[in-house]
Amino acid sequence: MKLQCKLIARTLLVTCLPLSFTLLSSQVHADAVRGKTAYVQNGCWGCHGFEGQGGIAGPKLAPETKPLEYFNAFVRNTRGIMPPYSEKVLSAQDMADLHAYLKSIPKGPDYTAIPLLNTP
């Protein structure tokens, strides 16, 4: 009986948790312009570069941005060199805006399209 309860609880967790993240993220209208402002004001650029390209202290965040659910979970619960950012610091709206900004950053040109890099 205990095993069945654990399996049911685990199944509910696996199916409902992603749904709750989807519902939360769908209730917020993300704005890339506000996201860029939040990115600069909160100092994200200091470690991740002004366009999320990564730097000495922080990994690359754009243009291949992780899904919003992953982004939220990481920023809120990180235990590494980056401090976690609570809702008091970055609201759900700020997080959606930051994510929208990072997703709006276009992929740079392939090095083969840059003439200077292709001269003998």
PDB file of N, CA and C in Angstrom:
ATOM      1  N   MET A   1       0.818  -1.197   0.000  1.00  0.00           N
ATOM      2  CA  MET A   1       0.000   0.000   0.000  1.00  0.00           C
ATOM      3  C   MET A   1       0.862   1.262   0.000  1.00  0.00           C
ATOM      4  N   LYS A   2       1.942   1.252   0.841  1.00  0.00           N
ATOM      5  CA  LYS A   2       2.833   2.411   0.878  1.00  0.00           C
ATOM      6  C   LYS A   2       3.473   2.655  -0.482  1.00  0.00           C
ATOM      7  N   LEU A   3       3.870   1.588  -1.128  1.00  0.00           N
ATOM      8  CA  LEU A   3       4.505   1.700  -2.434  1.00  0.00           C
ATOM      9  C   LEU A   3       3.541   2.301  -3.458  1.00  0.00           C
ATOM     10  N   GLN A   4       2.277   1.867  -3.414  1.00  0.00           N
ATOM     11  CA  GLN A   4       1.280   2.419  -4.322  1.00  0.00           C
ATOM     12  C   GLN A   4       1.073   3.911  -4.083  1.00  0.00           C
ATOM     13  N   CYS A   5       1.033   4.325  -2.831  1.00  0.00           N
ATOM     14  CA  CYS A   5       0.870   5.748  -2.500  1.00  0.00           C
ATOM     15  C   CYS A   5       2.054   6.556  -3.011  1.00  0.00           C
ATOM     16  N   LYS A   6       3.246   6.009  -2.842  1.00  0.00           N
ATOM     17  CA  LYS A   6       4.439   6.696  -3.327  1.00  0.00           C
ATOM     18  C   LYS A   6       4.415   6.821  -4.846  1.00  0.00           C
ATOM     19  N   LEU A   7       4.001   5.773  -5.533  1.00  0.00           N
ATOM     20  CA  LEU A   7       3.929   5.809  -6.988  1.00  0.00           C
ATOM     21  C   LEU A   7       2.881   6.820  -7.466  1.00  0.00           C
ATOM     22  N   ILE A   8       1.754   6.864  -6.790  1.00  0.00           N
ATOM     23  CA  ILE A   8       0.711   7.828  -7.154  1.00  0.00           C
ATOM     24  C   ILE A   8       1.208   9.243  -6.913  1.00  0.00           C
ATOM     25  N   ALA A   9       1.836   9.475  -5.763  1.00  0.00           N
ATOM     26  CA  ALA A   9       2.357  10.808  -5.450  1.00  0.00           C
ATOM     27  C   ALA A   9       3.415  11.229  -6.461  1.00  0.00           C
ATOM     28  N   ARG A  10       4.301  10.327  -6.812  1.00  0.00           N
ATOM     29  CA  ARG A  10       5.354  10.633  -7.784  1.00  0.00           C
ATOM     30  C   ARG A  10       4.750  10.933  -9.159  1.00  0.00           C
ATOM     31  N   THR A  11       3.750  10.152  -9.557  1.00  0.00           N
ATOM     32  CA  THR A  11       3.084  10.378 -10.843  1.00  0.00           C
ATOM     33  C   THR A  11       2.409  11.744 -10.874  1.00  0.00           C
ATOM     34  N   LEU A  12       1.717  12.088  -9.788  1.00  0.00           N
ATOM     35  CA  LEU A  12       1.074  13.398  -9.717  1.00  0.00           C
ATOM     36  C   LEU A  12       2.099  14.520  -9.784  1.00  0.00           C
ATOM     37  N   LEU A  13       3.198  14.355  -9.080  1.00  0.00           N
ATOM     38  CA  LEU A  13       4.246  15.367  -9.077  1.00  0.00           C
ATOM     39  C   LEU A  13       4.824  15.552 -10.478  1.00  0.00           C
ATOM     40  N   VAL A  14       5.113  14.452 -11.139  1.00  0.00           N
ATOM     41  CA  VAL A  14       5.717  14.511 -12.477  1.00  0.00           C
ATOM     42  C   VAL A  14       4.753  15.125 -13.492  1.00  0.00           C
ATOM     43  N   THR A  15       3.467  14.859 -13.354  1.00  0.00           N
ATOM     44  CA  THR A  15       2.513  15.393 -14.330  1.00  0.00           C
ATOM     45  C   THR A  15       2.021  16.792 -13.979  1.00  0.00           C
ATOM     46  N   CYS A  16       1.884  17.107 -12.703  1.00  0.00           N
ATOM     47  CA  CYS A  16       1.308  18.401 -12.309  1.00  0.00           C
ATOM     48  C   CYS A  16       2.342  19.519 -12.220  1.00  0.00           C
ATOM     49  N   LEU A  17       3.562  19.225 -11.848  1.00  0.00           N
ATOM     50  CA  LEU A  17       4.562  20.274 -11.688  1.00  0.00           C
ATOM     51  C   LEU A  17       4.842  21.006 -12.998  1.00  0.00           C
ATOM     52  N   PRO A  18       5.093  20.302 -14.104  1.00  0.00           N
ATOM     53  CA  PRO A  18       5.291  21.039 -15.359  1.00  0.00           C
ATOM     54  C   PRO A  18       4.062  21.847 -15.760  1.00  0.00           C
ATOM     55  N   LEU A  19       2.880  21.309 -15.487  1.00  0.00           N
ATOM     56  CA  LEU A  19       1.648  22.026 -15.805  1.00  0.00           C
ATOM     57  C   LEU A  19       1.545  23.309 -14.996  1.00  0.00           C
ATOM     58  N   SER A  20       1.913  23.265 -13.715  1.00  0.00           N
ATOM     59  CA  SER A  20       1.849  24.471 -12.888  1.00  0.00           C
ATOM     60  C   SER A  20       2.828  25.526 -13.391  1.00  0.00           C
ATOM     61  N   PHE A  21       4.013  25.119 -13.826  1.00  0.00           N
ATOM     62  CA  PHE A  21       4.968  26.075 -14.389  1.00  0.00           C
ATOM     63  C   PHE A  21       4.413  26.688 -15.672  1.00  0.00           C
ATOM     64  N   THR A  22       3.770  25.862 -16.488  1.00  0.00           N
ATOM     65  CA  THR A  22       3.187  26.359 -17.730  1.00  0.00           C
ATOM     66  C   THR A  22       2.086  27.364 -17.441  1.00  0.00           C
ATOM     67  N   LEU A  23       1.239  27.054 -16.490  1.00  0.00           N
ATOM     68  CA  LEU A  23       0.161  27.975 -16.140  1.00  0.00           C
ATOM     69  C   LEU A  23       0.704  29.281 -15.582  1.00  0.00           C
ATOM     70  N   LEU A  24       1.707  29.190 -14.726  1.00  0.00           N
ATOM     71  CA  LEU A  24       2.293  30.405 -14.165  1.00  0.00           C
ATOM     72  C   LEU A  24       2.938  31.257 -15.251  1.00  0.00           C
ATOM     73  N   SER A  25       3.676  30.619 -16.139  1.00  0.00           N
ATOM     74  CA  SER A  25       4.366  31.385 -17.168  1.00  0.00           C
ATOM     75  C   SER A  25       3.405  31.932 -18.212  1.00  0.00           C
ATOM     76  N   SER A  26       2.271  31.271 -18.423  1.00  0.00           N
ATOM     77  CA  SER A  26       1.335  31.761 -19.428  1.00  0.00           C
ATOM     78  C   SER A  26       0.522  32.940 -18.911  1.00  0.00           C
ATOM     79  N   GLN A  27       0.493  33.168 -17.598  1.00  0.00           N
ATOM     80  CA  GLN A  27      -0.267  34.264 -17.033  1.00  0.00           C
ATOM     81  C   GLN A  27       0.499  35.582 -17.093  1.00  0.00           C
ATOM     82  N   VAL A  28       1.764  35.532 -17.401  1.00  0.00           N
ATOM     83  CA  VAL A  28       2.604  36.718 -17.418  1.00  0.00           C
ATOM     84  C   VAL A  28       2.944  37.074 -18.857  1.00  0.00           C
ATOM     85  N   HIS A  29       2.710  38.330 -19.239  1.00  0.00           N
ATOM     86  CA  HIS A  29       3.090  38.790 -20.578  1.00  0.00           C
ATOM     87  C   HIS A  29       4.528  39.280 -20.515  1.00  0.00           C
ATOM     88  N   ALA A  30       5.415  38.600 -21.217  1.00  0.00           N
ATOM     89  CA  ALA A  30       6.837  38.929 -21.197  1.00  0.00           C
ATOM     90  C   ALA A  30       7.158  40.043 -22.180  1.00  0.00           C
ATOM     91  N   ASP A  31       8.076  40.918 -21.773  1.00  0.00           N
ATOM     92  CA  ASP A  31       8.478  42.058 -22.590  1.00  0.00           C
ATOM     93  C   ASP A  31      10.003  42.115 -22.634  1.00  0.00           C
ATOM     94  N   ALA A  32      10.576  41.927 -23.820  1.00  0.00           N
ATOM     95  CA  ALA A  32      12.031  41.889 -23.982  1.00  0.00           C
ATOM     96  C   ALA A  32      12.690  43.220 -23.635  1.00  0.00           C
ATOM     97  N   VAL A  33      12.023  44.337 -23.892  1.00  0.00           N
ATOM     98  CA  VAL A  33      12.602  45.655 -23.576  1.00  0.00           C
ATOM     99  C   VAL A  33      12.727  45.816 -22.065  1.00  0.00           C
ATOM    100  N   ARG A  34      11.668  45.467 -21.345  1.00  0.00           N
ATOM    101  CA  ARG A  34      11.746  45.505 -19.870  1.00  0.00           C
ATOM    102  C   ARG A  34      12.783  44.500 -19.373  1.00  0.00           C
ATOM    103  N   GLY A  35      12.889  43.365 -20.065  1.00  0.00           N
ATOM    104  CA  GLY A  35      13.864  42.343 -19.683  1.00  0.00           C
ATOM    105  C   GLY A  35      15.295  42.831 -19.800  1.00  0.00           C
ATOM    106  N   LYS A  36      15.575  43.588 -20.855  1.00  0.00           N
ATOM    107  CA  LYS A  36      16.923  44.141 -21.024  1.00  0.00           C
ATOM    108  C   LYS A  36      17.223  45.122 -19.896  1.00  0.00           C
ATOM    109  N   THR A  37      16.233  45.937 -19.530  1.00  0.00           N
ATOM    110  CA  THR A  37      16.407  46.888 -18.428  1.00  0.00           C
ATOM    111  C   THR A  37      16.691  46.137 -17.126  1.00  0.00           C
ATOM    112  N   ALA A  38      15.917  45.093 -16.856  1.00  0.00           N
ATOM    113  CA  ALA A  38      16.119  44.300 -15.642  1.00  0.00           C
ATOM    114  C   ALA A  38      17.484  43.611 -15.668  1.00  0.00           C
ATOM    115  N   TYR A  39      17.898  43.135 -16.829  1.00  0.00           N
ATOM    116  CA  TYR A  39      19.185  42.456 -16.998  1.00  0.00           C
ATOM    117  C   TYR A  39      20.326  43.394 -16.616  1.00  0.00           C
ATOM    118  N   VAL A  40      20.236  44.645 -17.046  1.00  0.00           N
ATOM    119  CA  VAL A  40      21.280  45.630 -16.749  1.00  0.00           C
ATOM    120  C   VAL A  40      21.182  46.084 -15.293  1.00  0.00           C
ATOM    121  N   GLN A  41      19.982  46.427 -14.837  1.00  0.00           N
ATOM    122  CA  GLN A  41      19.802  46.953 -13.482  1.00  0.00           C
ATOM    123  C   GLN A  41      20.174  45.949 -12.400  1.00  0.00           C
ATOM    124  N   ASN A  42      19.965  44.670 -12.664  1.00  0.00           N
ATOM    125  CA  ASN A  42      20.265  43.647 -11.664  1.00  0.00           C
ATOM    126  C   ASN A  42      21.666  43.073 -11.799  1.00  0.00           C
ATOM    127  N   GLY A  43      22.452  43.627 -12.701  1.00  0.00           N
ATOM    128  CA  GLY A  43      23.862  43.248 -12.812  1.00  0.00           C
ATOM    129  C   GLY A  43      24.138  41.929 -13.498  1.00  0.00           C
ATOM    130  N   CYS A  44      23.173  41.370 -14.195  1.00  0.00           N
ATOM    131  CA  CYS A  44      23.390  40.094 -14.889  1.00  0.00           C
ATOM    132  C   CYS A  44      24.543  40.205 -15.887  1.00  0.00           C
ATOM    133  N   TRP A  45      24.641  41.375 -16.512  1.00  0.00           N
ATOM    134  CA  TRP A  45      25.666  41.621 -17.529  1.00  0.00           C
ATOM    135  C   TRP A  45      27.074  41.452 -16.979  1.00  0.00           C
ATOM    136  N   GLY A  46      27.259  41.683 -15.683  1.00  0.00           N
ATOM    137  CA  GLY A  46      28.591  41.617 -15.088  1.00  0.00           C
ATOM    138  C   GLY A  46      29.243  40.251 -15.232  1.00  0.00           C
ATOM    139  N   CYS A  47      28.438  39.210 -15.193  1.00  0.00           N
ATOM    140  CA  CYS A  47      28.980  37.854 -15.317  1.00  0.00           C
ATOM    141  C   CYS A  47      28.660  37.217 -16.671  1.00  0.00           C
ATOM    142  N   HIS A  48      27.508  37.595 -17.249  1.00  0.00           N
ATOM    143  CA  HIS A  48      27.042  36.940 -18.465  1.00  0.00           C
ATOM    144  C   HIS A  48      27.219  37.766 -19.729  1.00  0.00           C
ATOM    145  N   GLY A  49      27.804  38.970 -19.622  1.00  0.00           N
ATOM    146  CA  GLY A  49      27.980  39.829 -20.788  1.00  0.00           C
ATOM    147  C   GLY A  49      26.700  40.571 -21.118  1.00  0.00           C
ATOM    148  N   PHE A  50      26.817  41.680 -21.848  1.00  0.00           N
ATOM    149  CA  PHE A  50      25.655  42.507 -22.144  1.00  0.00           C
ATOM    150  C   PHE A  50      24.637  41.827 -23.046  1.00  0.00           C
ATOM    151  N   GLU A  51      25.042  40.841 -23.789  1.00  0.00           N
ATOM    152  CA  GLU A  51      24.098  40.144 -24.659  1.00  0.00           C
ATOM    153  C   GLU A  51      24.028  38.654 -24.331  1.00  0.00           C
ATOM    154  N   GLY A  52      24.288  38.323 -23.075  1.00  0.00           N
ATOM    155  CA  GLY A  52      24.174  36.940 -22.645  1.00  0.00           C
ATOM    156  C   GLY A  52      25.193  36.011 -23.268  1.00  0.00           C
ATOM    157  N   GLN A  53      26.280  36.585 -23.800  1.00  0.00           N
ATOM    158  CA  GLN A  53      27.271  35.783 -24.507  1.00  0.00           C
ATOM    159  C   GLN A  53      28.195  35.007 -23.568  1.00  0.00           C
ATOM    160  N   GLY A  54      28.094  35.269 -22.281  1.00  0.00           N
ATOM    161  CA  GLY A  54      28.954  34.595 -21.317  1.00  0.00           C
ATOM    162  C   GLY A  54      30.187  35.423 -21.043  1.00  0.00           C
ATOM    163  N   GLY A  55      30.817  35.140 -19.937  1.00  0.00           N
ATOM    164  CA  GLY A  55      32.003  35.884 -19.560  1.00  0.00           C
ATOM    165  C   GLY A  55      32.891  35.038 -18.668  1.00  0.00           C
ATOM    166  N   ILE A  56      33.759  35.693 -17.952  1.00  0.00           N
ATOM    167  CA  ILE A  56      34.698  34.978 -17.080  1.00  0.00           C
ATOM    168  C   ILE A  56      33.963  34.241 -15.968  1.00  0.00           C
ATOM    169  N   ALA A  57      32.951  34.892 -15.385  1.00  0.00           N
ATOM    170  CA  ALA A  57      32.272  34.315 -14.229  1.00  0.00           C
ATOM    171  C   ALA A  57      30.953  33.626 -14.542  1.00  0.00           C
ATOM    172  N   GLY A  58      30.351  33.901 -15.692  1.00  0.00           N
ATOM    173  CA  GLY A  58      29.027  33.335 -15.975  1.00  0.00           C
ATOM    174  C   GLY A  58      28.942  32.698 -17.340  1.00  0.00           C
ATOM    175  N   PRO A  59      28.150  31.639 -17.462  1.00  0.00           N
ATOM    176  CA  PRO A  59      28.024  30.957 -18.752  1.00  0.00           C
ATOM    177  C   PRO A  59      27.195  31.738 -19.761  1.00  0.00           C
ATOM    178  N   LYS A  60      27.262  31.300 -20.976  1.00  0.00           N
ATOM    179  CA  LYS A  60      26.485  31.870 -22.076  1.00  0.00           C
ATOM    180  C   LYS A  60      25.000  31.594 -21.818  1.00  0.00           C
ATOM    181  N   LEU A  61      24.160  32.624 -21.996  1.00  0.00           N
ATOM    182  CA  LEU A  61      22.720  32.485 -21.792  1.00  0.00           C
ATOM    183  C   LEU A  61      21.923  32.623 -23.085  1.00  0.00           C
ATOM    184  N   ALA A  62      22.509  33.204 -24.100  1.00  0.00           N
ATOM    185  CA  ALA A  62      21.783  33.458 -25.350  1.00  0.00           C
ATOM    186  C   ALA A  62      22.714  33.173 -26.527  1.00  0.00           C
ATOM    187  N   PRO A  63      22.234  32.868 -27.667  1.00  0.00           N
ATOM    188  CA  PRO A  63      20.841  32.858 -28.066  1.00  0.00           C
ATOM    189  C   PRO A  63      20.123  31.540 -27.797  1.00  0.00           C
ATOM    190  N   GLU A  64      20.825  30.481 -27.444  1.00  0.00           N
ATOM    191  CA  GLU A  64      20.162  29.199 -27.142  1.00  0.00           C
ATOM    192  C   GLU A  64      19.727  29.201 -25.685  1.00  0.00           C
ATOM    193  N   THR A  65      18.677  29.939 -25.396  1.00  0.00           N
ATOM    194  CA  THR A  65      18.191  30.113 -24.028  1.00  0.00           C
ATOM    195  C   THR A  65      17.405  28.884 -23.584  1.00  0.00           C
ATOM    196  N   LYS A  66      17.640  28.479 -22.351  1.00  0.00           N
ATOM    197  CA  LYS A  66      16.899  27.351 -21.771  1.00  0.00           C
ATOM    198  C   LYS A  66      15.418  27.723 -21.651  1.00  0.00           C
ATOM    199  N   PRO A  67      14.528  26.731 -21.537  1.00  0.00           N
ATOM    200  CA  PRO A  67      13.105  27.027 -21.356  1.00  0.00           C
ATOM    201  C   PRO A  67      12.865  27.850 -20.074  1.00  0.00           C
ATOM    202  N   LEU A  68      11.797  28.613 -20.068  1.00  0.00           N
ATOM    203  CA  LEU A  68      11.483  29.490 -18.944  1.00  0.00           C
ATOM    204  C   LEU A  68      11.410  28.727 -17.626  1.00  0.00           C
ATOM    205  N   GLU A  69      10.844  27.542 -17.631  1.00  0.00           N
ATOM    206  CA  GLU A  69      10.715  26.757 -16.398  1.00  0.00           C
ATOM    207  C   GLU A  69      12.092  26.438 -15.820  1.00  0.00           C
ATOM    208  N   TYR A  70      13.022  26.034 -16.681  1.00  0.00           N
ATOM    209  CA  TYR A  70      14.390  25.731 -16.256  1.00  0.00           C
ATOM    210  C   TYR A  70      15.059  27.003 -15.731  1.00  0.00           C
ATOM    211  N   PHE A  71      14.922  28.084 -16.494  1.00  0.00           N
ATOM    212  CA  PHE A  71      15.504  29.373 -16.139  1.00  0.00           C
ATOM    213  C   PHE A  71      15.033  29.812 -14.756  1.00  0.00           C
ATOM    214  N   ASN A  72      13.716  29.752 -14.518  1.00  0.00           N
ATOM    215  CA  ASN A  72      13.158  30.124 -13.216  1.00  0.00           C
ATOM    216  C   ASN A  72      13.701  29.251 -12.101  1.00  0.00           C
ATOM    217  N   ALA A  73      13.671  27.944 -12.302  1.00  0.00           N
ATOM    218  CA  ALA A  73      14.131  27.018 -11.267  1.00  0.00           C
ATOM    219  C   ALA A  73      15.600  27.260 -10.926  1.00  0.00           C
ATOM    220  N   PHE A  74      16.412  27.477 -11.942  1.00  0.00           N
ATOM    221  CA  PHE A  74      17.836  27.692 -11.691  1.00  0.00           C
ATOM    222  C   PHE A  74      18.087  29.002 -10.955  1.00  0.00           C
ATOM    223  N   VAL A  75      17.523  30.092 -11.458  1.00  0.00           N
ATOM    224  CA  VAL A  75      17.771  31.407 -10.861  1.00  0.00           C
ATOM    225  C   VAL A  75      17.273  31.460  -9.418  1.00  0.00           C
ATOM    226  N   ARG A  76      16.170  30.818  -9.140  1.00  0.00           N
ATOM    227  CA  ARG A  76      15.589  30.835  -7.788  1.00  0.00           C
ATOM    228  C   ARG A  76      16.333  29.913  -6.817  1.00  0.00           C
ATOM    229  N   ASN A  77      16.938  28.836  -7.317  1.00  0.00           N
ATOM    230  CA  ASN A  77      17.473  27.794  -6.424  1.00  0.00           C
ATOM    231  C   ASN A  77      18.938  27.469  -6.602  1.00  0.00           C
ATOM    232  N   THR A  78      19.678  28.270  -7.345  1.00  0.00           N
ATOM    233  CA  THR A  78      21.077  27.943  -7.593  1.00  0.00           C
ATOM    234  C   THR A  78      21.872  27.857  -6.288  1.00  0.00           C
ATOM    235  N   ARG A  79      22.840  26.976  -6.284  1.00  0.00           N
ATOM    236  CA  ARG A  79      23.695  26.819  -5.108  1.00  0.00           C
ATOM    237  C   ARG A  79      25.168  26.963  -5.504  1.00  0.00           C
ATOM    238  N   GLY A  80      25.385  27.439  -6.699  1.00  0.00           N
ATOM    239  CA  GLY A  80      26.748  27.597  -7.193  1.00  0.00           C
ATOM    240  C   GLY A  80      27.289  28.980  -6.875  1.00  0.00           C
ATOM    241  N   ILE A  81      28.143  29.470  -7.757  1.00  0.00           N
ATOM    242  CA  ILE A  81      28.780  30.765  -7.565  1.00  0.00           C
ATOM    243  C   ILE A  81      27.766  31.914  -7.698  1.00  0.00           C
ATOM    244  N   MET A  82      26.719  31.700  -8.500  1.00  0.00           N
ATOM    245  CA  MET A  82      25.685  32.718  -8.659  1.00  0.00           C
ATOM    246  C   MET A  82      24.734  32.654  -7.466  1.00  0.00           C
ATOM    247  N   PRO A  83      24.419  33.799  -6.886  1.00  0.00           N
ATOM    248  CA  PRO A  83      23.465  33.766  -5.768  1.00  0.00           C
ATOM    249  C   PRO A  83      22.051  33.524  -6.281  1.00  0.00           C
ATOM    250  N   PRO A  84      21.206  32.863  -5.471  1.00  0.00           N
ATOM    251  CA  PRO A  84      19.809  32.712  -5.885  1.00  0.00           C
ATOM    252  C   PRO A  84      19.082  34.049  -5.775  1.00  0.00           C
ATOM    253  N   TYR A  85      18.162  34.298  -6.696  1.00  0.00           N
ATOM    254  CA  TYR A  85      17.373  35.526  -6.694  1.00  0.00           C
ATOM    255  C   TYR A  85      15.942  35.189  -6.313  1.00  0.00           C
ATOM    256  N   SER A  86      15.501  35.678  -5.164  1.00  0.00           N
ATOM    257  CA  SER A  86      14.149  35.406  -4.688  1.00  0.00           C
ATOM    258  C   SER A  86      13.139  36.302  -5.399  1.00  0.00           C
ATOM    259  N   GLU A  87      11.863  36.065  -5.136  1.00  0.00           N
ATOM    260  CA  GLU A  87      10.777  36.892  -5.697  1.00  0.00           C
ATOM    261  C   GLU A  87      10.898  38.335  -5.223  1.00  0.00           C
ATOM    262  N   LYS A  88      11.509  38.546  -4.063  1.00  0.00           N
ATOM    263  CA  LYS A  88      11.678  39.910  -3.556  1.00  0.00           C
ATOM    264  C   LYS A  88      12.637  40.703  -4.444  1.00  0.00           C
ATOM    265  N   VAL A  89      13.583  40.022  -5.046  1.00  0.00           N
ATOM    266  CA  VAL A  89      14.570  40.677  -5.902  1.00  0.00           C
ATOM    267  C   VAL A  89      14.086  40.704  -7.349  1.00  0.00           C
ATOM    268  N   LEU A  90      13.689  39.563  -7.868  1.00  0.00           N
ATOM    269  CA  LEU A  90      13.187  39.441  -9.242  1.00  0.00           C
ATOM    270  C   LEU A  90      11.804  38.802  -9.203  1.00  0.00           C
ATOM    271  N   SER A  91      10.802  39.558  -9.550  1.00  0.00           N
ATOM    272  CA  SER A  91       9.433  39.046  -9.552  1.00  0.00           C
ATOM    273  C   SER A  91       9.253  38.044 -10.691  1.00  0.00           C
ATOM    274  N   ALA A  92       8.110  37.373 -10.703  1.00  0.00           N
ATOM    275  CA  ALA A  92       7.793  36.458 -11.809  1.00  0.00           C
ATOM    276  C   ALA A  92       7.757  37.227 -13.124  1.00  0.00           C
ATOM    277  N   GLN A  93       7.259  38.457 -13.075  1.00  0.00           N
ATOM    278  CA  GLN A  93       7.230  39.302 -14.274  1.00  0.00           C
ATOM    279  C   GLN A  93       8.649  39.618 -14.734  1.00  0.00           C
ATOM    280  N   ASP A  94       9.533  39.973 -13.793  1.00  0.00           N
ATOM    281  CA  ASP A  94      10.938  40.245 -14.136  1.00  0.00           C
ATOM    282  C   ASP A  94      11.585  39.025 -14.786  1.00  0.00           C
ATOM    283  N   MET A  95      11.307  37.856 -14.226  1.00  0.00           N
ATOM    284  CA  MET A  95      11.904  36.628 -14.765  1.00  0.00           C
ATOM    285  C   MET A  95      11.420  36.370 -16.185  1.00  0.00           C
ATOM    286  N   ALA A  96      10.124  36.554 -16.417  1.00  0.00           N
ATOM    287  CA  ALA A  96       9.578  36.357 -17.771  1.00  0.00           C
ATOM    288  C   ALA A  96      10.183  37.382 -18.736  1.00  0.00           C
ATOM    289  N   ASP A  97      10.339  38.616 -18.268  1.00  0.00           N
ATOM    290  CA  ASP A  97      10.922  39.665 -19.106  1.00  0.00           C
ATOM    291  C   ASP A  97      12.390  39.372 -19.412  1.00  0.00           C
ATOM    292  N   LEU A  98      13.141  38.955 -18.405  1.00  0.00           N
ATOM    293  CA  LEU A  98      14.551  38.592 -18.614  1.00  0.00           C
ATOM    294  C   LEU A  98      14.661  37.472 -19.643  1.00  0.00           C
ATOM    295  N   HIS A  99      13.826  36.485 -19.492  1.00  0.00           N
ATOM    296  CA  HIS A  99      13.836  35.352 -20.410  1.00  0.00           C
ATOM    297  C   HIS A  99      13.498  35.807 -21.832  1.00  0.00           C
ATOM    298  N   ALA A 100      12.505  36.686 -21.949  1.00  0.00           N
ATOM    299  CA  ALA A 100      12.126  37.215 -23.265  1.00  0.00           C
ATOM    300  C   ALA A 100      13.282  37.986 -23.886  1.00  0.00           C
ATOM    301  N   TYR A 101      13.992  38.759 -23.070  1.00  0.00           N
ATOM    302  CA  TYR A 101      15.154  39.494 -23.586  1.00  0.00           C
ATOM    303  C   TYR A 101      16.206  38.527 -24.113  1.00  0.00           C
ATOM    304  N   LEU A 102      16.537  37.522 -23.333  1.00  0.00           N
ATOM    305  CA  LEU A 102      17.564  36.570 -23.754  1.00  0.00           C
ATOM    306  C   LEU A 102      17.146  35.834 -25.023  1.00  0.00           C
ATOM    307  N   LYS A 103      15.870  35.485 -25.118  1.00  0.00           N
ATOM    308  CA  LYS A 103      15.379  34.805 -26.323  1.00  0.00           C
ATOM    309  C   LYS A 103      15.365  35.729 -27.535  1.00  0.00           C
ATOM    310  N   SER A 104      15.287  37.041 -27.311  1.00  0.00           N
ATOM    311  CA  SER A 104      15.227  37.985 -28.427  1.00  0.00           C
ATOM    312  C   SER A 104      16.593  38.262 -29.048  1.00  0.00           C
ATOM    313  N   ILE A 105      17.642  37.855 -28.379  1.00  0.00           N
ATOM    314  CA  ILE A 105      18.992  38.109 -28.886  1.00  0.00           C
ATOM    315  C   ILE A 105      19.251  37.172 -30.064  1.00  0.00           C
ATOM    316  N   PRO A 106      19.523  37.739 -31.234  1.00  0.00           N
ATOM    317  CA  PRO A 106      19.723  36.888 -32.413  1.00  0.00           C
ATOM    318  C   PRO A 106      21.063  36.157 -32.355  1.00  0.00           C
ATOM    319  N   LYS A 107      21.079  35.047 -33.019  1.00  0.00           N
ATOM    320  CA  LYS A 107      22.314  34.285 -33.142  1.00  0.00           C
ATOM    321  C   LYS A 107      23.277  35.075 -34.015  1.00  0.00           C
ATOM    322  N   GLY A 108      24.529  35.117 -33.631  1.00  0.00           N
ATOM    323  CA  GLY A 108      25.544  35.829 -34.417  1.00  0.00           C
ATOM    324  C   GLY A 108      25.820  35.126 -35.727  1.00  0.00           C
ATOM    325  N   PRO A 109      26.481  35.814 -36.634  1.00  0.00           N
ATOM    326  CA  PRO A 109      26.772  35.200 -37.930  1.00  0.00           C
ATOM    327  C   PRO A 109      27.777  34.062 -37.782  1.00  0.00           C
ATOM    328  N   ASP A 110      27.681  33.117 -38.680  1.00  0.00           N
ATOM    329  CA  ASP A 110      28.644  32.030 -38.723  1.00  0.00           C
ATOM    330  C   ASP A 110      29.999  32.624 -39.109  1.00  0.00           C
ATOM    331  N   TYR A 111      31.062  32.128 -38.548  1.00  0.00           N
ATOM    332  CA  TYR A 111      32.375  32.704 -38.835  1.00  0.00           C
ATOM    333  C   TYR A 111      32.717  32.656 -40.321  1.00  0.00           C
ATOM    334  N   THR A 112      32.142  31.722 -41.050  1.00  0.00           N
ATOM    335  CA  THR A 112      32.440  31.639 -42.480  1.00  0.00           C
ATOM    336  C   THR A 112      31.823  32.797 -43.261  1.00  0.00           C
ATOM    337  N   ALA A 113      30.861  33.504 -42.650  1.00  0.00           N
ATOM    338  CA  ALA A 113      30.222  34.646 -43.315  1.00  0.00           C
ATOM    339  C   ALA A 113      30.976  35.953 -43.053  1.00  0.00           C
ATOM    340  N   ILE A 114      32.040  35.903 -42.260  1.00  0.00           N
ATOM    341  CA  ILE A 114      32.818  37.108 -41.935  1.00  0.00           C
ATOM    342  C   ILE A 114      34.086  37.076 -42.790  1.00  0.00           C
ATOM    343  N   PRO A 115      34.152  37.948 -43.806  1.00  0.00           N
ATOM    344  CA  PRO A 115      35.273  37.914 -44.766  1.00  0.00           C
ATOM    345  C   PRO A 115      36.650  37.982 -44.110  1.00  0.00           C
ATOM    346  N   LEU A 116      36.828  38.825 -43.125  1.00  0.00           N
ATOM    347  CA  LEU A 116      38.131  38.979 -42.491  1.00  0.00           C
ATOM    348  C   LEU A 116      38.635  37.678 -41.868  1.00  0.00           C
ATOM    349  N   LEU A 117      37.714  36.848 -41.402  1.00  0.00           N
ATOM    350  CA  LEU A 117      38.110  35.588 -40.794  1.00  0.00           C
ATOM    351  C   LEU A 117      38.391  34.508 -41.827  1.00  0.00           C
ATOM    352  N   ASN A 118      38.123  34.778 -43.079  1.00  0.00           N
ATOM    353  CA  ASN A 118      38.296  33.777 -44.120  1.00  0.00           C
ATOM    354  C   ASN A 118      39.370  34.116 -45.128  1.00  0.00           C
ATOM    355  N   THR A 119      40.212  35.083 -44.797  1.00  0.00           N
ATOM    356  CA  THR A 119      41.305  35.417 -45.706  1.00  0.00           C
ATOM    357  C   THR A 119      42.537  34.603 -45.336  1.00  0.00           C
ATOM    358  N   PRO A 120      43.269  34.168 -46.342  1.00  0.00           N
ATOM    359  CA  PRO A 120      44.464  33.346 -46.055  1.00  0.00           C
ATOM    360  C   PRO A 120      45.592  34.124 -45.437  1.00  0.00           C
TER     361      PRO A 120
END
